[in-house]
Amino acid sequence: MSADRLAQLQQAIDKRSAEQLLRTPVTLQHYNGRLLSVAGTPYLNFSGNDYLGLATEPEVLQAYADGARDFGAGSTGSPLVTGQHQVHARLCDTLCDWLGTEQVMLFSSGFAANQTMLQTLAQKADTLVLDKLSHASLIDGALHSDAVLKRFAHNDIAQLEMILQQTAQPLVVTEGIFSMDGDSPNLRTMQALCQQFNAPLLLDDAHGLGVTGPDGKGSAAAQGIAATELFCLMANFGKALGVGGAFIGGSKTVIDYLTQFGRHYVYSTALSPALCAAVIKSIELCRSQQWRRDKLQSNIALFRHLAEDLALLKSESAIQGVVLGSSERALAVSQQLKAAGFWLSAIRSPTVPKGSERLRITLSAQHTEYDIKQLVQQLRQLI
């Protein structure tokens, strides 16, 4: 029986390989924001999410080291047993002060936070209404909840309204910046619609936190929406803040409820205290160093200006997509770029729908004008 099962698994792997969809982990030898090295070869990095260049910021690294010295490397337990340290509480207070949310709770990853948010808050009589391009963590969370799942066409407010008119107990879920297309919904209109139909609005702002809004408060703040107008806000520390982990923010009632019934939170080891110390420093720099967001926006504008003839997806964010239409072509162009010294991964199905395979270009405040000009020159030659 075990031989038959292994053969089935190998068959699935072989099928994915034949379809040019096989995923293979890559081991970096060195990472420094705009530069990385693999197997002794240096590359310009246009695939990371370190939008503000904080992952290698010396002050953040020192805070990490000091946190390990002062609090230990690991938390040693669930936050409800022995895992909640003073530095965890400091990070929660820092987030509340920064974002204006009443209370927050911490998670090991955005995936765990999103699953907790949807699985725990959605009840059997509810309907979770998700954008069609929602992240896998949101889709999985909805599928494993007790609620019914409905999806509306990407950023289609009219279709969302039609669904809300026909749904008794809806909860609306969207993202501040979509991870593959790099675009954003009209959150102000969506929030007004949710108020009209008494539907809580839950926002995943993984790619918006730190890079948009006043002081980097994120996508909702950028559109004039206070954190208290959202039922739940999820974001993580592994994108613009350059570290790792995630949080959910909401009212005291919502967070208290998640503390009691959120299984990912109750039964998981708490975040490393040292990591929390690094995130606190990263938030401090994110808030005080506006030049990082200004440089990122300048790089985005430069890239879109230079690459306007490349049929880019509509995006004003650090995520810029060039759809190539097949896994074979996306892989071929990605390999040619690597041969020219650019690390730019192909994004294939099922991460994106079939026929929309693409290059997902991510820009950072650390990129120079020369980096961007060289990339566009290579893209134009290959595409």
Protein backbone atom coordinates (compact mmCIF):
# COMPACT_ATOMS: atom_id res chain seq x y z
CA MET A 1 0.00 0.00 0.00
CA SER A 2 2.78 2.47 0.85
CA ALA A 3 4.49 1.75 -2.50
CA ASP A 4 1.24 2.51 -4.33
CA ARG A 5 0.81 5.73 -2.38
CA LEU A 6 4.39 6.83 -3.15
CA ALA A 7 3.81 6.07 -6.82
CA GLN A 8 0.73 8.30 -6.78
CA LEU A 9 2.71 11.13 -5.22
CA GLN A 10 5.52 10.75 -7.76
CA GLN A 11 3.00 10.75 -10.59
CA ALA A 12 1.61 14.09 -9.40
CA ILE A 13 5.14 15.52 -9.18
CA ASP A 14 6.02 14.26 -12.67
CA LYS A 15 2.82 15.75 -14.09
CA ARG A 16 3.61 19.14 -12.63
CA SER A 17 7.15 18.94 -14.00
CA ALA A 18 5.89 18.07 -17.49
CA GLU A 19 3.59 21.10 -17.38
CA GLN A 20 6.51 23.42 -16.50
CA LEU A 21 4.94 24.05 -13.09
CA LEU A 22 7.45 22.35 -10.80
CA ARG A 23 8.57 24.51 -7.88
CA THR A 24 12.13 24.16 -6.59
CA PRO A 25 13.47 25.95 -3.48
CA VAL A 26 16.48 28.19 -4.08
CA THR A 27 19.18 28.61 -1.43
CA LEU A 28 20.66 32.10 -1.22
CA GLN A 29 24.28 32.43 -0.17
CA HIS A 30 23.98 36.13 0.53
CA TYR A 31 21.18 38.68 0.63
CA ASN A 32 21.54 42.45 0.73
CA GLY A 33 18.28 43.92 -0.55
CA ARG A 34 18.92 44.87 -4.17
CA LEU A 35 21.62 42.22 -4.45
CA LEU A 36 21.65 38.50 -3.78
CA SER A 37 23.96 35.64 -4.65
CA VAL A 38 23.12 32.05 -5.57
CA ALA A 39 25.76 29.35 -6.17
CA GLY A 40 28.48 31.96 -6.26
CA THR A 41 26.75 34.17 -8.84
CA PRO A 42 25.56 37.70 -7.93
CA TYR A 43 22.22 39.01 -9.19
CA LEU A 44 20.21 42.20 -9.08
CA ASN A 45 17.14 41.22 -7.07
CA PHE A 46 13.73 42.15 -8.48
CA SER A 47 11.72 39.39 -6.78
CA GLY A 48 11.78 40.22 -3.07
CA ASN A 49 9.23 41.99 -0.87
CA ASP A 50 11.73 44.05 1.14
CA TYR A 51 10.14 47.22 -0.21
CA LEU A 52 11.82 49.69 2.15
CA GLY A 53 15.19 47.97 2.51
CA LEU A 54 14.74 47.32 6.23
CA ALA A 55 15.66 43.60 6.21
CA THR A 56 19.38 44.43 6.33
CA GLU A 57 19.17 47.81 8.07
CA PRO A 58 21.96 47.82 10.73
CA GLU A 59 19.70 49.28 13.43
CA VAL A 60 17.16 46.50 12.90
CA LEU A 61 19.86 43.85 13.00
CA GLN A 62 21.25 45.32 16.22
CA ALA A 63 17.79 45.36 17.78
CA TYR A 64 17.45 41.67 16.85
CA ALA A 65 20.76 40.85 18.55
CA ASP A 66 19.91 42.93 21.62
CA GLY A 67 16.50 41.25 21.81
CA ALA A 68 18.08 37.79 21.83
CA ARG A 69 20.45 38.87 24.59
CA ASP A 70 17.74 40.46 26.71
CA PHE A 71 14.78 38.14 26.15
CA GLY A 72 16.12 34.93 24.60
CA ALA A 73 15.97 33.57 21.08
CA GLY A 74 12.68 31.68 21.46
CA SER A 75 9.47 32.34 23.37
CA THR A 76 9.36 28.69 24.62
CA GLY A 77 5.57 28.37 24.62
CA SER A 78 2.12 29.46 23.58
CA PRO A 79 1.29 33.07 24.46
CA LEU A 80 -1.37 31.70 26.82
CA VAL A 81 1.13 29.51 28.70
CA THR A 82 4.68 30.89 29.01
CA GLY A 83 5.24 32.44 25.60
CA GLN A 84 4.02 35.99 26.20
CA HIS A 85 7.02 38.21 27.04
CA GLN A 86 7.26 41.88 27.86
CA VAL A 87 8.56 42.62 24.36
CA HIS A 88 5.45 41.03 22.81
CA ALA A 89 3.29 43.47 24.77
CA ARG A 90 5.55 46.35 23.66
CA LEU A 91 5.12 45.35 20.02
CA CYS A 92 1.33 45.20 20.42
CA ASP A 93 1.32 48.66 22.03
CA THR A 94 3.54 49.98 19.23
CA LEU A 95 1.17 48.67 16.57
CA CYS A 96 -1.89 50.15 18.30
CA ASP A 97 -0.18 53.52 18.60
CA TRP A 98 0.95 53.48 14.96
CA LEU A 99 -2.22 52.22 13.30
CA GLY A 100 -4.92 53.50 15.64
CA THR A 101 -6.48 50.10 16.21
CA GLU A 102 -7.85 49.27 19.66
CA GLN A 103 -6.06 45.98 20.21
CA VAL A 104 -3.81 43.54 18.32
CA MET A 105 -2.60 39.95 18.58
CA LEU A 106 0.54 38.42 17.09
CA PHE A 107 1.02 35.39 14.82
CA SER A 108 3.89 33.41 13.36
CA SER A 109 2.86 34.23 9.77
CA GLY A 110 0.29 36.02 7.66
CA PHE A 111 -1.03 32.64 6.53
CA ALA A 112 -1.76 31.65 10.15
CA ALA A 113 -3.29 35.05 10.90
CA ASN A 114 -5.61 34.95 7.87
CA GLN A 115 -6.73 31.43 8.63
CA THR A 116 -7.47 32.40 12.22
CA MET A 117 -9.33 35.52 11.13
CA LEU A 118 -11.71 33.72 8.77
CA GLN A 119 -12.06 30.31 10.41
CA THR A 120 -12.77 31.79 13.82
CA LEU A 121 -14.90 34.82 13.04
CA ALA A 122 -17.13 33.30 10.33
CA GLN A 123 -20.06 31.33 11.74
CA LYS A 124 -22.24 28.64 10.14
CA ALA A 125 -24.99 31.06 9.10
CA ASP A 126 -22.50 33.51 7.57
CA THR A 127 -21.29 33.97 4.01
CA LEU A 128 -17.68 34.97 3.38
CA VAL A 129 -17.53 37.18 0.28
CA LEU A 130 -14.01 37.23 -1.15
CA ASP A 131 -12.39 38.98 -4.09
CA LYS A 132 -11.67 36.48 -6.86
CA LEU A 133 -7.91 37.13 -6.62
CA SER A 134 -7.66 36.73 -2.85
CA HIS A 135 -4.49 35.20 -1.47
CA ALA A 136 -4.35 31.43 -0.93
CA SER A 137 -4.36 31.93 2.85
CA LEU A 138 -7.72 33.72 2.63
CA ILE A 139 -9.21 31.13 0.30
CA ASP A 140 -8.04 28.27 2.53
CA GLY A 141 -9.31 30.05 5.62
CA ALA A 142 -12.73 30.51 4.02
CA LEU A 143 -12.91 26.93 2.74
CA HIS A 144 -12.08 25.55 6.18
CA SER A 145 -14.56 27.78 7.99
CA ASP A 146 -18.18 26.89 8.74
CA ALA A 147 -19.42 29.69 6.47
CA VAL A 148 -20.55 29.63 2.84
CA LEU A 149 -17.97 31.03 0.40
CA LYS A 150 -18.88 33.39 -2.44
CA ARG A 151 -16.43 35.25 -4.67
CA PHE A 152 -16.84 38.43 -6.70
CA ALA A 153 -14.90 39.44 -9.82
CA HIS A 154 -11.66 41.20 -9.02
CA ASN A 155 -12.29 44.70 -7.62
CA ASP A 156 -15.81 44.63 -9.10
CA ILE A 157 -17.90 46.79 -6.74
CA ALA A 158 -21.09 46.29 -8.79
CA GLN A 159 -20.90 42.51 -8.50
CA LEU A 160 -20.07 42.78 -4.81
CA GLU A 161 -23.20 44.88 -4.28
CA MET A 162 -25.31 42.33 -6.14
CA ILE A 163 -24.00 39.54 -3.89
CA LEU A 164 -24.62 41.59 -0.75
CA GLN A 165 -28.21 42.24 -1.85
CA GLN A 166 -28.78 38.48 -2.02
CA THR A 167 -26.89 37.46 1.15
CA ALA A 168 -28.26 37.44 4.69
CA GLN A 169 -25.12 37.49 6.85
CA PRO A 170 -22.13 38.52 4.72
CA LEU A 171 -18.55 39.24 5.77
CA VAL A 172 -16.53 40.98 3.03
CA VAL A 173 -12.84 40.17 2.62
CA THR A 174 -10.33 41.97 0.37
CA GLU A 175 -6.69 43.03 0.16
CA GLY A 176 -5.12 46.47 0.30
CA ILE A 177 -2.64 45.64 -2.48
CA PHE A 178 -3.04 42.37 -4.37
CA SER A 179 0.13 40.32 -4.27
CA MET A 180 0.25 39.23 -7.91
CA ASP A 181 -1.38 42.14 -9.78
CA GLY A 182 -0.20 44.95 -7.50
CA ASP A 183 -3.48 46.87 -7.77
CA SER A 184 -5.86 48.05 -5.05
CA PRO A 185 -9.64 48.12 -4.51
CA ASN A 186 -11.65 51.26 -3.88
CA LEU A 187 -11.79 50.70 -0.14
CA ARG A 188 -13.81 53.84 0.56
CA THR A 189 -16.63 52.74 -1.75
CA MET A 190 -16.40 49.18 -0.47
CA GLN A 191 -16.61 50.35 3.14
CA ALA A 192 -19.70 52.45 2.38
CA LEU A 193 -21.30 49.43 0.72
CA CYS A 194 -20.49 47.24 3.72
CA GLN A 195 -22.08 49.78 6.05
CA GLN A 196 -25.20 49.85 3.87
CA PHE A 197 -25.61 46.07 4.12
CA ASN A 198 -24.31 45.73 7.70
CA ALA A 199 -21.40 43.60 6.50
CA PRO A 200 -18.11 43.57 8.43
CA LEU A 201 -15.08 44.46 6.27
CA LEU A 202 -11.91 42.39 6.81
CA LEU A 203 -8.71 43.67 5.20
CA ASP A 204 -5.47 41.84 4.40
CA ASP A 205 -2.89 44.61 4.02
CA ALA A 206 0.27 42.52 3.83
CA HIS A 207 1.63 44.48 0.85
CA GLY A 208 0.28 47.89 1.88
CA LEU A 209 1.56 48.22 5.44
CA GLY A 210 4.64 50.41 5.60
CA VAL A 211 4.55 51.62 2.00
CA THR A 212 1.23 53.47 1.68
CA GLY A 213 -0.68 55.99 3.75
CA PRO A 214 0.58 58.64 6.20
CA ASP A 215 3.56 57.30 8.19
CA GLY A 216 3.15 54.03 6.27
CA LYS A 217 -0.10 53.16 8.06
CA GLY A 218 -1.30 51.23 5.04
CA SER A 219 -3.97 51.04 2.37
CA ALA A 220 -6.99 51.95 4.50
CA ALA A 221 -5.32 55.07 5.87
CA ALA A 222 -4.19 55.98 2.35
CA GLN A 223 -7.88 56.08 1.34
CA GLY A 224 -9.00 58.01 4.41
CA ILE A 225 -10.37 55.03 6.36
CA ALA A 226 -9.58 54.75 10.06
CA ALA A 227 -8.53 51.36 11.41
CA THR A 228 -11.58 51.43 13.69
CA GLU A 229 -13.86 51.40 10.61
CA LEU A 230 -12.54 47.94 9.72
CA PHE A 231 -13.83 44.86 11.50
CA CYS A 232 -10.39 43.27 11.21
CA LEU A 233 -7.01 44.32 9.84
CA MET A 234 -4.35 41.72 9.07
CA ALA A 235 -0.81 42.52 7.98
CA ASN A 236 2.59 40.97 8.40
CA PHE A 237 6.12 41.97 9.29
CA GLY A 238 7.88 40.10 6.47
CA LYS A 239 7.26 42.54 3.62
CA ALA A 240 7.99 46.27 4.02
CA LEU A 241 9.13 45.84 7.64
CA GLY A 242 11.68 43.25 6.56
CA VAL A 243 11.44 40.81 9.49
CA GLY A 244 8.74 38.12 9.97
CA GLY A 245 5.49 37.28 11.73
CA ALA A 246 2.09 38.95 11.49
CA PHE A 247 -0.77 40.50 13.47
CA ILE A 248 -4.51 40.95 13.51
CA GLY A 249 -5.90 44.27 14.71
CA GLY A 250 -9.47 45.03 15.75
CA SER A 251 -11.72 46.05 18.59
CA LYS A 252 -11.13 44.66 22.07
CA THR A 253 -14.15 42.40 21.64
CA VAL A 254 -12.88 40.93 18.36
CA ILE A 255 -9.36 40.32 19.68
CA ASP A 256 -10.64 38.88 22.96
CA TYR A 257 -12.83 36.49 20.96
CA LEU A 258 -9.91 35.41 18.77
CA THR A 259 -7.79 34.90 21.89
CA GLN A 260 -10.36 32.48 23.27
CA PHE A 261 -11.29 30.60 20.10
CA GLY A 262 -8.48 31.13 17.53
CA ARG A 263 -6.77 27.76 17.39
CA HIS A 264 -3.64 28.98 15.56
CA TYR A 265 -3.08 31.47 18.37
CA VAL A 266 -3.99 29.23 21.29
CA TYR A 267 -1.91 26.23 20.25
CA SER A 268 1.14 27.76 18.54
CA THR A 269 4.44 28.81 20.07
CA ALA A 270 4.57 32.59 20.29
CA LEU A 271 6.85 34.69 18.09
CA SER A 272 10.53 34.87 18.99
CA PRO A 273 11.07 37.73 21.47
CA ALA A 274 14.22 38.73 19.59
CA LEU A 275 12.21 39.00 16.38
CA CYS A 276 9.66 41.22 18.14
CA ALA A 277 12.44 43.56 19.26
CA ALA A 278 13.59 43.82 15.63
CA VAL A 279 10.04 44.55 14.42
CA ILE A 280 9.67 47.36 16.97
CA LYS A 281 12.83 49.00 15.65
CA SER A 282 11.70 48.45 12.05
CA ILE A 283 8.37 50.17 12.77
CA GLU A 284 10.21 53.07 14.40
CA LEU A 285 12.33 53.57 11.27
CA CYS A 286 9.37 53.06 8.96
CA ARG A 287 7.45 55.81 10.72
CA SER A 288 10.32 58.29 10.98
CA GLN A 289 12.13 57.79 7.66
CA GLN A 290 9.71 59.03 5.01
CA TRP A 291 12.59 59.10 2.55
CA ARG A 292 12.26 55.32 2.15
CA ARG A 293 8.68 55.61 0.87
CA ASP A 294 9.61 58.62 -1.25
CA LYS A 295 12.48 56.71 -2.90
CA LEU A 296 10.25 53.69 -3.49
CA GLN A 297 7.57 55.86 -5.13
CA SER A 298 10.23 57.51 -7.27
CA ASN A 299 11.49 54.10 -8.40
CA ILE A 300 7.95 52.95 -9.20
CA ALA A 301 7.29 56.07 -11.29
CA LEU A 302 10.61 55.67 -13.12
CA PHE A 303 9.98 52.02 -13.91
CA ARG A 304 6.47 52.63 -15.23
CA HIS A 305 7.69 55.53 -17.36
CA LEU A 306 10.55 53.57 -18.89
CA ALA A 307 8.52 50.37 -19.36
CA GLU A 308 5.26 51.94 -20.58
CA ASP A 309 5.58 50.08 -23.90
CA LEU A 310 5.73 46.66 -22.20
CA ALA A 311 1.98 46.29 -21.52
CA LEU A 312 2.31 46.32 -17.75
CA LEU A 313 -0.58 45.41 -15.51
CA LYS A 314 -2.33 48.42 -14.03
CA SER A 315 -0.48 49.02 -10.76
CA GLU A 316 0.89 51.99 -8.87
CA SER A 317 2.49 49.80 -6.21
CA ALA A 318 5.92 48.20 -5.86
CA ILE A 319 4.48 45.08 -7.55
CA GLN A 320 4.62 45.34 -11.33
CA GLY A 321 3.41 42.46 -13.51
CA VAL A 322 4.18 41.61 -17.12
CA VAL A 323 1.85 38.85 -18.35
CA LEU A 324 3.53 36.45 -20.80
CA GLY A 325 0.65 33.99 -21.20
CA SER A 326 2.30 30.62 -20.66
CA SER A 327 4.51 28.86 -18.15
CA GLU A 328 7.02 27.98 -20.88
CA ARG A 329 7.48 31.56 -21.97
CA ALA A 330 7.58 32.95 -18.43
CA LEU A 331 10.23 30.41 -17.45
CA ALA A 332 12.28 31.05 -20.59
CA VAL A 333 12.36 34.81 -20.07
CA SER A 334 13.15 34.37 -16.37
CA GLN A 335 16.12 32.13 -17.23
CA GLN A 336 17.38 34.60 -19.84
CA LEU A 337 17.19 37.40 -17.30
CA LYS A 338 19.17 35.34 -14.80
CA ALA A 339 21.83 34.73 -17.43
CA ALA A 340 22.04 38.54 -17.74
CA GLY A 341 22.37 38.98 -13.96
CA PHE A 342 18.76 39.71 -12.95
CA TRP A 343 16.89 37.60 -10.40
CA LEU A 344 13.28 37.78 -11.54
CA SER A 345 11.16 34.68 -10.96
CA ALA A 346 8.40 33.42 -13.23
CA ILE A 347 4.97 33.24 -11.58
CA ARG A 348 2.91 30.34 -12.89
CA SER A 349 -0.37 28.52 -12.37
CA PRO A 350 -1.85 27.78 -9.86
CA THR A 351 -0.43 30.90 -8.17
CA VAL A 352 -2.02 32.91 -10.98
CA PRO A 353 -4.80 31.75 -13.36
CA LYS A 354 -3.77 29.73 -16.42
CA GLY A 355 -3.02 31.99 -19.33
CA SER A 356 -1.85 34.83 -17.06
CA GLU A 357 1.61 33.44 -16.25
CA ARG A 358 3.93 36.35 -15.75
CA LEU A 359 7.02 38.06 -14.49
CA ARG A 360 6.28 39.65 -11.12
CA ILE A 361 8.68 42.56 -10.76
CA THR A 362 9.06 43.99 -7.26
CA LEU A 363 10.76 47.30 -6.66
CA SER A 364 12.57 48.48 -3.55
CA ALA A 365 13.79 51.76 -2.12
CA GLN A 366 17.27 50.26 -2.43
CA HIS A 367 17.18 49.99 -6.22
CA THR A 368 19.13 52.65 -8.09
CA GLU A 369 18.02 54.42 -11.25
CA TYR A 370 20.73 52.51 -13.10
CA ASP A 371 19.36 49.17 -11.81
CA ILE A 372 15.91 49.99 -13.14
CA LYS A 373 17.15 51.27 -16.50
CA GLN A 374 19.21 48.11 -16.99
CA LEU A 375 16.24 45.90 -16.12
CA VAL A 376 13.92 47.67 -18.53
CA GLN A 377 16.53 47.44 -21.28
CA GLN A 378 16.76 43.67 -20.78
CA LEU A 379 12.97 43.27 -20.61
CA ARG A 380 12.54 45.20 -23.85
CA GLN A 381 15.08 43.00 -25.63
CA LEU A 382 13.49 39.76 -24.41
CA ILE A 383 9.80 40.65 -24.59
